[in-house]
Amino acid sequence: MKSHDGLPMLNESSVKSQIQSLISHLPHINIDILYLYVPEFKILHQFLEDTEVIQGYTISILETKQRKYSGGNWLLVLTNKKFHLF
């Protein structure tokens, strides 16, 4: 399979395994709950090349002055090659 860049991509289970490895020192975070709260994790594999290694991520809620906590969520993923913003 090819990523959105046309390069070979990682599979979904490989990405989930990398995320699980990143949170292994945080026993209060459940990978399945994380995937429910941040659905972008489910499509992340479509954007990563097969040689990319996830080194970190951050998530947050977008806010506006008029509508606090209703602007949507974002996910920023750092790999050994680039940043991905969803």
N, C-alpha and C. Protein backbone atom coordinates (compact mmCIF):
# COMPACT_ATOMS: atom_id res chain seq x y z
N MET A 1 0.84 -1.17 0.00
CA MET A 1 0.00 0.00 0.00
C MET A 1 0.88 1.24 0.00
N LYS A 2 0.34 2.33 -0.53
CA LYS A 2 1.08 3.58 -0.63
C LYS A 2 0.43 4.65 0.23
N SER A 3 1.28 5.53 0.79
CA SER A 3 0.80 6.65 1.59
C SER A 3 0.24 7.72 0.67
N HIS A 4 -0.26 8.81 1.27
CA HIS A 4 -0.78 9.92 0.49
C HIS A 4 0.30 10.57 -0.36
N ASP A 5 1.57 10.36 0.01
CA ASP A 5 2.70 10.88 -0.76
C ASP A 5 3.10 9.93 -1.88
N GLY A 6 2.43 8.78 -1.99
CA GLY A 6 2.76 7.81 -3.01
C GLY A 6 3.88 6.86 -2.62
N LEU A 7 4.34 6.94 -1.37
CA LEU A 7 5.41 6.07 -0.89
C LEU A 7 4.81 4.92 -0.09
N PRO A 8 5.57 3.82 0.06
CA PRO A 8 5.04 2.71 0.86
C PRO A 8 4.71 3.18 2.27
N MET A 9 3.58 2.69 2.81
CA MET A 9 3.14 3.17 4.13
C MET A 9 3.14 2.06 5.17
N LEU A 10 3.13 2.49 6.42
CA LEU A 10 3.02 1.57 7.55
C LEU A 10 1.60 1.00 7.61
N ASN A 11 1.44 -0.16 8.23
CA ASN A 11 0.08 -0.66 8.42
C ASN A 11 -0.46 -0.17 9.76
N GLU A 12 -1.76 -0.29 9.92
CA GLU A 12 -2.44 0.25 11.11
C GLU A 12 -1.93 -0.39 12.40
N SER A 13 -1.69 -1.68 12.40
CA SER A 13 -1.24 -2.35 13.63
C SER A 13 0.18 -1.92 14.01
N SER A 14 1.01 -1.64 13.04
CA SER A 14 2.36 -1.16 13.31
C SER A 14 2.33 0.22 13.97
N VAL A 15 1.47 1.09 13.48
CA VAL A 15 1.32 2.43 14.07
C VAL A 15 0.78 2.31 15.49
N LYS A 16 -0.22 1.48 15.69
CA LYS A 16 -0.79 1.30 17.02
C LYS A 16 0.26 0.77 17.98
N SER A 17 1.09 -0.12 17.52
CA SER A 17 2.16 -0.67 18.34
C SER A 17 3.16 0.43 18.72
N GLN A 18 3.47 1.32 17.79
CA GLN A 18 4.39 2.42 18.08
C GLN A 18 3.78 3.36 19.12
N ILE A 19 2.49 3.66 18.98
CA ILE A 19 1.82 4.53 19.95
C ILE A 19 1.80 3.84 21.32
N GLN A 20 1.50 2.56 21.35
CA GLN A 20 1.47 1.80 22.61
C GLN A 20 2.84 1.85 23.28
N SER A 21 3.89 1.75 22.50
CA SER A 21 5.24 1.82 23.05
C SER A 21 5.51 3.20 23.66
N LEU A 22 5.01 4.25 23.02
CA LEU A 22 5.21 5.61 23.54
C LEU A 22 4.51 5.83 24.88
N ILE A 23 3.37 5.19 25.07
CA ILE A 23 2.59 5.42 26.31
C ILE A 23 2.80 4.31 27.34
N SER A 24 3.72 3.41 27.10
CA SER A 24 3.90 2.27 28.01
C SER A 24 4.28 2.69 29.43
N HIS A 25 4.90 3.84 29.58
CA HIS A 25 5.28 4.31 30.92
C HIS A 25 4.15 5.09 31.60
N LEU A 26 3.01 5.19 30.92
CA LEU A 26 1.83 5.88 31.45
C LEU A 26 0.69 4.88 31.64
N PRO A 27 0.68 4.14 32.74
CA PRO A 27 -0.29 3.06 32.91
C PRO A 27 -1.74 3.51 32.97
N HIS A 28 -1.98 4.79 33.23
CA HIS A 28 -3.35 5.28 33.32
C HIS A 28 -3.95 5.60 31.94
N ILE A 29 -3.13 5.52 30.88
CA ILE A 29 -3.65 5.78 29.53
C ILE A 29 -3.90 4.45 28.83
N ASN A 30 -5.13 4.24 28.42
CA ASN A 30 -5.53 3.03 27.72
C ASN A 30 -5.52 3.32 26.22
N ILE A 31 -4.82 2.52 25.45
CA ILE A 31 -4.68 2.74 24.00
C ILE A 31 -6.04 2.75 23.30
N ASP A 32 -6.96 1.90 23.71
CA ASP A 32 -8.27 1.85 23.07
C ASP A 32 -9.08 3.12 23.35
N ILE A 33 -8.99 3.65 24.55
CA ILE A 33 -9.67 4.90 24.89
C ILE A 33 -9.04 6.06 24.12
N LEU A 34 -7.71 6.03 24.02
CA LEU A 34 -7.00 7.06 23.26
C LEU A 34 -7.47 7.07 21.80
N TYR A 35 -7.62 5.90 21.22
CA TYR A 35 -8.09 5.80 19.83
C TYR A 35 -9.54 6.26 19.69
N LEU A 36 -10.36 6.06 20.72
CA LEU A 36 -11.73 6.55 20.67
C LEU A 36 -11.78 8.07 20.77
N TYR A 37 -10.97 8.63 21.65
CA TYR A 37 -10.96 10.07 21.88
C TYR A 37 -10.33 10.83 20.71
N VAL A 38 -9.33 10.21 20.07
CA VAL A 38 -8.62 10.84 18.96
C VAL A 38 -8.71 9.91 17.73
N PRO A 39 -9.81 9.98 16.99
CA PRO A 39 -10.01 9.07 15.86
C PRO A 39 -8.97 9.23 14.75
N GLU A 40 -8.24 10.33 14.74
CA GLU A 40 -7.20 10.53 13.73
C GLU A 40 -6.10 9.46 13.83
N PHE A 41 -5.93 8.88 15.01
CA PHE A 41 -4.96 7.80 15.14
C PHE A 41 -5.31 6.63 14.21
N LYS A 42 -6.60 6.42 13.95
CA LYS A 42 -7.04 5.30 13.11
C LYS A 42 -6.63 5.47 11.65
N ILE A 43 -6.42 6.69 11.21
CA ILE A 43 -6.03 6.93 9.81
C ILE A 43 -4.57 7.33 9.67
N LEU A 44 -3.88 7.48 10.78
CA LEU A 44 -2.49 7.93 10.76
C LEU A 44 -1.62 7.08 9.84
N HIS A 45 -1.84 5.78 9.84
CA HIS A 45 -1.02 4.89 9.01
C HIS A 45 -1.08 5.23 7.53
N GLN A 46 -2.16 5.87 7.09
CA GLN A 46 -2.30 6.24 5.68
C GLN A 46 -1.36 7.37 5.28
N PHE A 47 -0.81 8.07 6.25
CA PHE A 47 0.03 9.24 5.98
C PHE A 47 1.51 9.02 6.30
N LEU A 48 1.83 7.90 6.94
CA LEU A 48 3.21 7.64 7.32
C LEU A 48 3.88 6.70 6.33
N GLU A 49 5.11 7.02 5.97
CA GLU A 49 5.90 6.14 5.12
C GLU A 49 6.36 4.94 5.95
N ASP A 50 6.68 3.86 5.27
CA ASP A 50 7.05 2.64 6.00
C ASP A 50 8.36 2.77 6.77
N THR A 51 9.15 3.81 6.49
CA THR A 51 10.41 4.01 7.22
C THR A 51 10.28 5.04 8.34
N GLU A 52 9.09 5.61 8.53
CA GLU A 52 8.90 6.59 9.58
C GLU A 52 8.68 5.90 10.93
N VAL A 53 9.27 6.48 11.95
CA VAL A 53 9.12 5.99 13.31
C VAL A 53 8.52 7.13 14.14
N ILE A 54 7.43 6.85 14.80
CA ILE A 54 6.77 7.87 15.62
C ILE A 54 7.60 8.11 16.87
N GLN A 55 7.97 9.36 17.08
CA GLN A 55 8.79 9.71 18.23
C GLN A 55 8.00 10.43 19.32
N GLY A 56 6.84 10.95 18.96
CA GLY A 56 6.01 11.62 19.95
C GLY A 56 4.75 12.17 19.31
N TYR A 57 3.82 12.56 20.15
CA TYR A 57 2.58 13.15 19.66
C TYR A 57 2.01 14.06 20.73
N THR A 58 1.14 14.95 20.34
CA THR A 58 0.39 15.77 21.28
C THR A 58 -0.99 15.99 20.71
N ILE A 59 -1.97 16.11 21.59
CA ILE A 59 -3.35 16.35 21.19
C ILE A 59 -3.89 17.52 21.99
N SER A 60 -4.89 18.18 21.45
CA SER A 60 -5.51 19.27 22.18
C SER A 60 -6.86 19.59 21.57
N ILE A 61 -7.54 20.49 22.25
CA ILE A 61 -8.84 20.96 21.78
C ILE A 61 -8.65 22.35 21.19
N LEU A 62 -9.24 22.58 20.04
CA LEU A 62 -9.22 23.92 19.45
C LEU A 62 -10.29 24.75 20.11
N GLU A 63 -9.97 25.99 20.38
CA GLU A 63 -10.94 26.89 21.02
C GLU A 63 -11.06 28.17 20.22
N THR A 64 -12.22 28.78 20.29
CA THR A 64 -12.43 30.12 19.76
C THR A 64 -12.99 30.97 20.89
N LYS A 65 -12.94 32.27 20.76
CA LYS A 65 -13.46 33.14 21.82
C LYS A 65 -14.97 32.93 22.01
N GLN A 66 -15.67 32.66 20.92
CA GLN A 66 -17.12 32.51 20.99
C GLN A 66 -17.54 31.12 21.47
N ARG A 67 -16.79 30.11 21.14
CA ARG A 67 -17.20 28.74 21.44
C ARG A 67 -16.04 27.95 22.03
N LYS A 68 -15.93 28.00 23.31
CA LYS A 68 -14.86 27.27 23.97
C LYS A 68 -15.13 25.77 23.90
N TYR A 69 -14.12 25.00 23.59
CA TYR A 69 -14.17 23.54 23.53
C TYR A 69 -15.08 22.99 22.44
N SER A 70 -15.44 23.79 21.45
CA SER A 70 -16.29 23.23 20.40
C SER A 70 -15.69 23.40 19.01
N GLY A 71 -14.46 23.86 18.94
CA GLY A 71 -13.84 24.08 17.65
C GLY A 71 -13.26 22.85 17.00
N GLY A 72 -13.14 21.77 17.72
CA GLY A 72 -12.58 20.54 17.18
C GLY A 72 -11.31 20.14 17.89
N ASN A 73 -10.73 19.02 17.51
CA ASN A 73 -9.49 18.51 18.10
C ASN A 73 -8.39 18.54 17.06
N TRP A 74 -7.15 18.57 17.53
CA TRP A 74 -6.03 18.40 16.63
C TRP A 74 -5.06 17.39 17.21
N LEU A 75 -4.30 16.79 16.31
CA LEU A 75 -3.29 15.80 16.66
C LEU A 75 -2.02 16.18 15.91
N LEU A 76 -0.92 16.32 16.63
CA LEU A 76 0.38 16.60 16.03
C LEU A 76 1.27 15.40 16.31
N VAL A 77 1.83 14.82 15.26
CA VAL A 77 2.67 13.64 15.39
C VAL A 77 4.07 13.96 14.85
N LEU A 78 5.08 13.64 15.65
CA LEU A 78 6.46 13.81 15.25
C LEU A 78 7.03 12.44 14.91
N THR A 79 7.62 12.33 13.73
CA THR A 79 8.32 11.10 13.36
C THR A 79 9.80 11.43 13.17
N ASN A 80 10.58 10.43 12.84
CA ASN A 80 11.99 10.65 12.57
C ASN A 80 12.23 11.44 11.28
N LYS A 81 11.15 11.70 10.52
CA LYS A 81 11.30 12.40 9.24
C LYS A 81 10.56 13.72 9.15
N LYS A 82 9.40 13.84 9.81
CA LYS A 82 8.61 15.06 9.67
C LYS A 82 7.53 15.16 10.74
N PHE A 83 6.84 16.31 10.71
CA PHE A 83 5.67 16.53 11.55
C PHE A 83 4.42 16.26 10.72
N HIS A 84 3.38 15.73 11.36
CA HIS A 84 2.07 15.54 10.72
C HIS A 84 1.04 16.21 11.62
N LEU A 85 0.21 17.08 11.05
CA LEU A 85 -0.83 17.77 11.79
C LEU A 85 -2.19 17.35 11.25
N PHE A 86 -3.03 16.85 12.14
CA PHE A 86 -4.38 16.43 11.77
C PHE A 86 -5.38 17.25 12.56
